[in-house]
Amino acid sequence: MVTARGYVSGVYSSQDPGIDDMQAAAVAKTPGFTVPEAIWFAHWDNRATLSDGTLVWPPRDRDKQYQAPHNRTVGGITLNIDGDLAGGPLMPTSAPT
């Protein structure tokens, strides 16, 4: 139903245990488990890369929160934000009907 409406199935979770558990279920082909098409995971290793690890999702299907919240000043305004890297889908593949 999700993909039929033009959306991509995805999950946001921390690397450990959420993504690790889904990875294990995907590799084991656990009955009843549907592998999401994309993942957005929190792994605060301060490495702005999507190529790390041996996940079943290729980098084009991954988004990563690699840096914990920190202060960043842009244009004289300071915000407390995290560091993210997007390689995966961020919006519907087509307009919902």
N, C-alpha and C. Protein backbone atom coordinates (compact mmCIF):
# COMPACT_ATOMS: atom_id res chain seq x y z
N MET A 1 0.83 -1.20 0.00
CA MET A 1 0.00 0.00 0.00
C MET A 1 0.87 1.26 0.00
N VAL A 2 1.96 1.24 0.76
CA VAL A 2 2.82 2.42 0.84
C VAL A 2 3.42 2.73 -0.52
N THR A 3 4.05 1.73 -1.16
CA THR A 3 4.67 1.97 -2.46
C THR A 3 3.64 2.21 -3.55
N ALA A 4 2.46 1.62 -3.42
CA ALA A 4 1.40 1.83 -4.41
C ALA A 4 0.96 3.29 -4.44
N ARG A 5 1.15 4.01 -3.33
CA ARG A 5 0.79 5.43 -3.27
C ARG A 5 1.97 6.34 -3.63
N GLY A 6 3.09 5.74 -4.05
CA GLY A 6 4.23 6.55 -4.47
C GLY A 6 5.22 6.86 -3.37
N TYR A 7 5.09 6.21 -2.22
CA TYR A 7 6.01 6.43 -1.11
C TYR A 7 7.04 5.32 -1.02
N VAL A 8 8.10 5.58 -0.32
CA VAL A 8 9.15 4.59 -0.06
C VAL A 8 9.01 4.18 1.40
N SER A 9 9.04 2.87 1.67
CA SER A 9 9.00 2.43 3.06
C SER A 9 10.36 2.68 3.70
N GLY A 10 10.35 3.20 4.90
CA GLY A 10 11.61 3.51 5.57
C GLY A 10 11.48 3.45 7.07
N VAL A 11 12.62 3.39 7.72
CA VAL A 11 12.69 3.30 9.17
C VAL A 11 13.78 4.23 9.67
N TYR A 12 13.49 4.94 10.77
CA TYR A 12 14.52 5.71 11.48
C TYR A 12 14.78 4.99 12.79
N SER A 13 16.05 4.76 13.09
CA SER A 13 16.43 4.09 14.33
C SER A 13 17.89 4.35 14.62
N SER A 14 18.29 4.05 15.84
CA SER A 14 19.72 4.06 16.15
C SER A 14 20.36 2.84 15.48
N GLN A 15 21.66 2.92 15.27
CA GLN A 15 22.38 1.79 14.66
C GLN A 15 22.24 0.54 15.54
N ASP A 16 22.38 0.74 16.83
CA ASP A 16 22.35 -0.37 17.78
C ASP A 16 21.27 -0.12 18.80
N PRO A 17 20.27 -0.94 18.95
CA PRO A 17 20.07 -2.24 18.32
C PRO A 17 19.14 -2.23 17.12
N GLY A 18 18.42 -1.15 16.88
CA GLY A 18 17.37 -1.14 15.85
C GLY A 18 17.81 -1.58 14.47
N ILE A 19 18.75 -0.87 13.87
CA ILE A 19 19.20 -1.20 12.51
C ILE A 19 19.91 -2.55 12.52
N ASP A 20 20.71 -2.81 13.56
CA ASP A 20 21.39 -4.10 13.65
C ASP A 20 20.40 -5.25 13.67
N ASP A 21 19.29 -5.09 14.41
CA ASP A 21 18.26 -6.14 14.48
C ASP A 21 17.57 -6.33 13.13
N MET A 22 17.27 -5.23 12.43
CA MET A 22 16.65 -5.34 11.11
C MET A 22 17.61 -5.98 10.11
N GLN A 23 18.89 -5.64 10.22
CA GLN A 23 19.91 -6.23 9.36
C GLN A 23 19.92 -7.76 9.55
N ALA A 24 19.92 -8.20 10.81
CA ALA A 24 19.94 -9.63 11.09
C ALA A 24 18.69 -10.32 10.54
N ALA A 25 17.53 -9.69 10.69
CA ALA A 25 16.28 -10.27 10.17
C ALA A 25 16.29 -10.32 8.65
N ALA A 26 16.85 -9.30 8.00
CA ALA A 26 16.92 -9.28 6.54
C ALA A 26 17.85 -10.38 6.03
N VAL A 27 19.01 -10.52 6.65
CA VAL A 27 19.98 -11.53 6.22
C VAL A 27 19.41 -12.94 6.45
N ALA A 28 18.72 -13.14 7.58
CA ALA A 28 18.15 -14.45 7.91
C ALA A 28 16.86 -14.73 7.16
N LYS A 29 16.36 -13.71 6.44
CA LYS A 29 15.07 -13.83 5.73
C LYS A 29 13.98 -14.32 6.70
N THR A 30 13.90 -13.63 7.84
CA THR A 30 12.96 -13.98 8.89
C THR A 30 11.52 -13.90 8.36
N PRO A 31 10.77 -15.00 8.51
CA PRO A 31 9.37 -15.00 8.04
C PRO A 31 8.58 -13.88 8.72
N GLY A 32 7.78 -13.18 7.93
CA GLY A 32 6.94 -12.11 8.45
C GLY A 32 7.62 -10.76 8.53
N PHE A 33 8.94 -10.72 8.32
CA PHE A 33 9.66 -9.45 8.35
C PHE A 33 9.77 -8.89 6.95
N THR A 34 9.30 -7.67 6.76
CA THR A 34 9.42 -6.99 5.47
C THR A 34 10.55 -5.98 5.59
N VAL A 35 11.55 -6.12 4.77
CA VAL A 35 12.70 -5.22 4.80
C VAL A 35 12.29 -3.85 4.28
N PRO A 36 12.50 -2.78 5.06
CA PRO A 36 12.17 -1.45 4.55
C PRO A 36 13.08 -1.10 3.37
N GLU A 37 12.56 -0.28 2.47
CA GLU A 37 13.33 0.09 1.29
C GLU A 37 14.49 1.04 1.62
N ALA A 38 14.33 1.82 2.67
CA ALA A 38 15.34 2.81 3.02
C ALA A 38 15.45 2.92 4.54
N ILE A 39 16.62 3.38 4.99
CA ILE A 39 16.83 3.58 6.43
C ILE A 39 17.46 4.94 6.67
N TRP A 40 17.11 5.54 7.79
CA TRP A 40 17.75 6.74 8.30
C TRP A 40 18.18 6.35 9.70
N PHE A 41 19.50 6.28 9.91
CA PHE A 41 19.97 5.76 11.19
C PHE A 41 20.89 6.74 11.89
N ALA A 42 20.83 6.68 13.21
CA ALA A 42 21.70 7.48 14.07
C ALA A 42 22.90 6.64 14.47
N HIS A 43 24.07 7.08 14.05
CA HIS A 43 25.33 6.42 14.42
C HIS A 43 26.36 7.53 14.59
N TRP A 44 26.48 8.03 15.81
CA TRP A 44 27.29 9.21 16.09
C TRP A 44 28.78 8.86 16.14
N ASP A 45 29.32 8.49 15.00
CA ASP A 45 30.74 8.18 14.90
C ASP A 45 31.56 9.34 14.33
N ASN A 46 30.90 10.48 14.09
CA ASN A 46 31.53 11.67 13.53
C ASN A 46 32.17 11.42 12.16
N ARG A 47 31.65 10.44 11.44
CA ARG A 47 32.15 10.13 10.09
C ARG A 47 31.03 10.43 9.09
N ALA A 48 31.23 11.44 8.28
CA ALA A 48 30.23 11.83 7.27
C ALA A 48 30.37 10.92 6.05
N THR A 49 29.97 9.67 6.22
CA THR A 49 30.02 8.70 5.12
C THR A 49 28.84 7.75 5.22
N LEU A 50 28.37 7.32 4.08
CA LEU A 50 27.30 6.33 4.02
C LEU A 50 27.85 4.95 3.63
N SER A 51 29.15 4.88 3.37
CA SER A 51 29.77 3.65 2.89
C SER A 51 30.25 2.74 4.01
N ASP A 52 30.14 3.18 5.25
CA ASP A 52 30.64 2.36 6.34
C ASP A 52 29.67 1.22 6.65
N GLY A 53 30.21 0.13 7.15
CA GLY A 53 29.37 -0.99 7.55
C GLY A 53 29.01 -1.92 6.41
N THR A 54 28.37 -3.00 6.77
CA THR A 54 27.98 -4.02 5.79
C THR A 54 26.46 -4.17 5.77
N LEU A 55 25.76 -3.08 5.74
CA LEU A 55 24.31 -3.10 5.75
C LEU A 55 23.76 -3.62 4.43
N VAL A 56 22.58 -4.25 4.48
CA VAL A 56 21.95 -4.75 3.25
C VAL A 56 21.45 -3.61 2.38
N TRP A 57 21.27 -2.43 2.95
CA TRP A 57 20.81 -1.28 2.19
C TRP A 57 22.03 -0.60 1.56
N PRO A 58 22.03 -0.40 0.26
CA PRO A 58 23.15 0.30 -0.38
C PRO A 58 23.14 1.78 0.03
N PRO A 59 24.28 2.47 -0.09
CA PRO A 59 24.35 3.88 0.30
C PRO A 59 23.25 4.75 -0.30
N ARG A 60 22.76 4.44 -1.48
CA ARG A 60 21.69 5.24 -2.10
C ARG A 60 20.36 5.10 -1.37
N ASP A 61 20.27 4.13 -0.46
CA ASP A 61 19.05 3.91 0.32
C ASP A 61 19.25 4.22 1.80
N ARG A 62 20.31 4.96 2.11
CA ARG A 62 20.64 5.27 3.50
C ARG A 62 20.73 6.78 3.73
N ASP A 63 20.29 7.18 4.90
CA ASP A 63 20.52 8.52 5.42
C ASP A 63 21.10 8.30 6.81
N LYS A 64 22.05 9.13 7.20
CA LYS A 64 22.75 8.89 8.45
C LYS A 64 22.86 10.16 9.28
N GLN A 65 22.56 10.02 10.55
CA GLN A 65 22.80 11.08 11.53
C GLN A 65 24.14 10.71 12.17
N TYR A 66 25.22 11.37 11.74
CA TYR A 66 26.56 10.97 12.14
C TYR A 66 27.14 11.78 13.29
N GLN A 67 26.49 12.86 13.66
CA GLN A 67 27.04 13.75 14.68
C GLN A 67 25.94 14.15 15.67
N ALA A 68 26.28 14.07 16.95
CA ALA A 68 25.34 14.44 18.00
C ALA A 68 25.01 15.93 17.91
N PRO A 69 23.90 16.34 18.53
CA PRO A 69 23.56 17.77 18.52
C PRO A 69 24.72 18.63 19.03
N HIS A 70 24.94 19.72 18.31
CA HIS A 70 26.02 20.66 18.64
C HIS A 70 25.59 22.05 18.15
N ASN A 71 26.21 23.07 18.67
CA ASN A 71 25.87 24.44 18.26
C ASN A 71 26.54 24.76 16.94
N ARG A 72 25.77 25.34 16.03
CA ARG A 72 26.28 25.76 14.73
C ARG A 72 25.72 27.14 14.47
N THR A 73 26.59 28.09 14.11
CA THR A 73 26.16 29.46 13.83
C THR A 73 26.22 29.71 12.33
N VAL A 74 25.12 30.15 11.78
CA VAL A 74 25.02 30.48 10.36
C VAL A 74 24.29 31.81 10.27
N GLY A 75 24.88 32.77 9.60
CA GLY A 75 24.24 34.07 9.43
C GLY A 75 23.96 34.77 10.74
N GLY A 76 24.80 34.54 11.74
CA GLY A 76 24.63 35.19 13.04
C GLY A 76 23.61 34.53 13.95
N ILE A 77 23.01 33.44 13.50
CA ILE A 77 22.03 32.73 14.32
C ILE A 77 22.62 31.39 14.73
N THR A 78 22.60 31.11 16.03
CA THR A 78 23.13 29.85 16.54
C THR A 78 22.00 28.88 16.82
N LEU A 79 22.15 27.69 16.26
CA LEU A 79 21.18 26.62 16.46
C LEU A 79 21.88 25.40 17.03
N ASN A 80 21.16 24.59 17.76
CA ASN A 80 21.67 23.33 18.26
C ASN A 80 21.13 22.24 17.34
N ILE A 81 22.00 21.72 16.47
CA ILE A 81 21.57 20.77 15.44
C ILE A 81 22.47 19.54 15.45
N ASP A 82 22.00 18.47 14.79
CA ASP A 82 22.84 17.30 14.61
C ASP A 82 23.44 17.34 13.21
N GLY A 83 24.41 16.46 12.96
CA GLY A 83 25.04 16.37 11.65
C GLY A 83 24.43 15.20 10.89
N ASP A 84 23.93 15.46 9.69
CA ASP A 84 23.26 14.43 8.88
C ASP A 84 23.87 14.35 7.50
N LEU A 85 23.77 13.17 6.91
CA LEU A 85 24.20 12.96 5.54
C LEU A 85 23.10 12.18 4.84
N ALA A 86 22.61 12.71 3.73
CA ALA A 86 21.50 12.08 3.02
C ALA A 86 21.98 11.48 1.70
N GLY A 87 21.71 10.21 1.53
CA GLY A 87 22.00 9.53 0.27
C GLY A 87 20.74 8.86 -0.24
N GLY A 88 19.81 8.63 0.68
CA GLY A 88 18.57 7.94 0.37
C GLY A 88 17.43 8.87 0.06
N PRO A 89 16.27 8.31 -0.14
CA PRO A 89 15.09 9.10 -0.49
C PRO A 89 14.64 9.98 0.66
N LEU A 90 14.18 11.16 0.32
CA LEU A 90 13.70 12.11 1.32
C LEU A 90 12.25 12.52 1.10
N MET A 91 11.68 12.12 -0.03
CA MET A 91 10.30 12.50 -0.34
C MET A 91 9.67 11.40 -1.19
N PRO A 92 8.37 11.48 -1.40
CA PRO A 92 7.70 10.46 -2.23
C PRO A 92 8.32 10.38 -3.62
N THR A 93 8.31 9.18 -4.18
CA THR A 93 8.82 9.00 -5.54
C THR A 93 7.87 9.59 -6.57
N SER A 94 6.61 9.80 -6.18
CA SER A 94 5.65 10.48 -7.04
C SER A 94 4.61 11.13 -6.12
N ALA A 95 3.83 11.99 -6.67
CA ALA A 95 2.83 12.68 -5.88
C ALA A 95 1.75 11.71 -5.40
N PRO A 96 1.39 11.79 -4.11
CA PRO A 96 0.30 10.93 -3.61
C PRO A 96 -1.00 11.24 -4.33
N THR A 97 -1.85 10.23 -4.44
CA THR A 97 -3.15 10.43 -5.09
C THR A 97 -4.26 10.43 -4.07
